[in-house]
């Protein structure tokens, strides 16, 4: 998680996107803890996939905003 957050700060200098990703991870971890779900291997893969999708969405959104603001 910290590697992804650091990568986004270094490469894209997007503090807001990194904070939203961190908030997403905290909420996801809290929901898993509150429900009492025991993570299986497929559950761990799903958590990692959802974090990866969040990173991809943030990068696409901010790249698109950067392109629109440059025009």
C-alpha atoms as a PDB file:
ATOM      1  CA  UNK A   1       0.000   0.000   0.000  1.00  0.00           C
ATOM      2  CA  UNK A   2       2.736   2.449   0.903  1.00  0.00           C
ATOM      3  CA  UNK A   3       4.656   1.568  -2.258  1.00  0.00           C
ATOM      4  CA  UNK A   4       1.654   2.420  -4.424  1.00  0.00           C
ATOM      5  CA  UNK A   5       1.053   5.641  -2.488  1.00  0.00           C
ATOM      6  CA  UNK A   6       4.725   6.654  -2.816  1.00  0.00           C
ATOM      7  CA  UNK A   7       4.749   5.809  -6.517  1.00  0.00           C
ATOM      8  CA  UNK A   8       1.730   8.029  -7.152  1.00  0.00           C
ATOM      9  CA  UNK A   9       3.268  10.908  -5.220  1.00  0.00           C
ATOM     10  CA  UNK A  10       6.597  10.560  -7.034  1.00  0.00           C
ATOM     11  CA  UNK A  11       5.364  10.029 -10.564  1.00  0.00           C
ATOM     12  CA  UNK A  12       2.147  12.032 -10.683  1.00  0.00           C
ATOM     13  CA  UNK A  13       2.538  14.431  -7.738  1.00  0.00           C
ATOM     14  CA  UNK A  14      -1.102  13.842  -6.926  1.00  0.00           C
ATOM     15  CA  UNK A  15      -1.585  14.257  -3.223  1.00  0.00           C
ATOM     16  CA  UNK A  16      -5.371  14.183  -3.378  1.00  0.00           C
ATOM     17  CA  UNK A  17      -5.420  10.952  -5.358  1.00  0.00           C
ATOM     18  CA  UNK A  18      -3.044   9.344  -2.909  1.00  0.00           C
ATOM     19  CA  UNK A  19      -5.166  10.446   0.015  1.00  0.00           C
ATOM     20  CA  UNK A  20      -8.336   9.084  -1.585  1.00  0.00           C
ATOM     21  CA  UNK A  21      -6.577   5.787  -2.210  1.00  0.00           C
ATOM     22  CA  UNK A  22      -5.435   5.667   1.400  1.00  0.00           C
ATOM     23  CA  UNK A  23      -8.959   6.482   2.589  1.00  0.00           C
ATOM     24  CA  UNK A  24     -10.340   3.732   0.340  1.00  0.00           C
ATOM     25  CA  UNK A  25      -7.943   1.213   1.863  1.00  0.00           C
ATOM     26  CA  UNK A  26      -8.815   2.268   5.417  1.00  0.00           C
ATOM     27  CA  UNK A  27     -12.556   2.012   4.750  1.00  0.00           C
ATOM     28  CA  UNK A  28     -12.115  -1.364   3.067  1.00  0.00           C
ATOM     29  CA  UNK A  29     -10.050  -2.694   5.973  1.00  0.00           C
ATOM     30  CA  UNK A  30     -12.612  -1.370   8.471  1.00  0.00           C
ATOM     31  CA  UNK A  31     -15.487  -3.049   6.659  1.00  0.00           C
ATOM     32  CA  UNK A  32     -13.619  -6.355   6.530  1.00  0.00           C
ATOM     33  CA  UNK A  33     -12.862  -6.068  10.252  1.00  0.00           C
ATOM     34  CA  UNK A  34     -16.427  -5.081  11.246  1.00  0.00           C
ATOM     35  CA  UNK A  35     -18.039  -7.859   9.255  1.00  0.00           C
ATOM     36  CA  UNK A  36     -15.577 -10.354  10.691  1.00  0.00           C
ATOM     37  CA  UNK A  37     -14.712 -11.809   7.308  1.00  0.00           C
ATOM     38  CA  UNK A  38     -11.781 -14.225   7.304  1.00  0.00           C
ATOM     39  CA  UNK A  39      -9.801 -13.521   4.164  1.00  0.00           C
ATOM     40  CA  UNK A  40      -9.149 -16.525   1.989  1.00  0.00           C
ATOM     41  CA  UNK A  41      -6.691 -16.497  -0.883  1.00  0.00           C
ATOM     42  CA  UNK A  42      -9.397 -15.352  -3.274  1.00  0.00           C
ATOM     43  CA  UNK A  43     -10.454 -12.629  -0.803  1.00  0.00           C
ATOM     44  CA  UNK A  44      -6.896 -11.298  -0.615  1.00  0.00           C
ATOM     45  CA  UNK A  45      -6.726 -11.303  -4.422  1.00  0.00           C
ATOM     46  CA  UNK A  46     -10.001  -9.359  -4.560  1.00  0.00           C
ATOM     47  CA  UNK A  47      -8.677  -6.728  -2.120  1.00  0.00           C
ATOM     48  CA  UNK A  48      -5.490  -6.311  -4.151  1.00  0.00           C
ATOM     49  CA  UNK A  49      -7.481  -6.123  -7.376  1.00  0.00           C
ATOM     50  CA  UNK A  50      -9.787  -3.432  -5.985  1.00  0.00           C
ATOM     51  CA  UNK A  51      -6.801  -1.367  -4.823  1.00  0.00           C
ATOM     52  CA  UNK A  52      -5.221  -1.730  -8.261  1.00  0.00           C
ATOM     53  CA  UNK A  53      -8.445  -0.625  -9.919  1.00  0.00           C
ATOM     54  CA  UNK A  54      -8.578   2.396  -7.608  1.00  0.00           C
ATOM     55  CA  UNK A  55      -5.028   3.357  -8.570  1.00  0.00           C
ATOM     56  CA  UNK A  56      -5.816   2.967 -12.259  1.00  0.00           C
ATOM     57  CA  UNK A  57      -8.974   5.054 -11.963  1.00  0.00           C
ATOM     58  CA  UNK A  58      -7.166   7.847 -10.111  1.00  0.00           C
ATOM     59  CA  UNK A  59      -4.374   7.955 -12.684  1.00  0.00           C
ATOM     60  CA  UNK A  60      -6.810   8.037 -15.593  1.00  0.00           C
ATOM     61  CA  UNK A  61      -8.920  10.775 -14.013  1.00  0.00           C
ATOM     62  CA  UNK A  62      -6.006  13.041 -13.180  1.00  0.00           C
ATOM     63  CA  UNK A  63      -4.263  12.521 -16.530  1.00  0.00           C
ATOM     64  CA  UNK A  64      -7.495  13.448 -18.276  1.00  0.00           C
ATOM     65  CA  UNK A  65      -7.873  16.538 -16.081  1.00  0.00           C
ATOM     66  CA  UNK A  66      -4.303  17.558 -16.836  1.00  0.00           C
ATOM     67  CA  UNK A  67      -4.926  17.241 -20.573  1.00  0.00           C
ATOM     68  CA  UNK A  68      -8.144  19.261 -20.380  1.00  0.00           C
ATOM     69  CA  UNK A  69      -6.524  22.041 -18.330  1.00  0.00           C
ATOM     70  CA  UNK A  70      -3.567  22.312 -20.720  1.00  0.00           C
ATOM     71  CA  UNK A  71      -5.846  23.052 -23.702  1.00  0.00           C
END
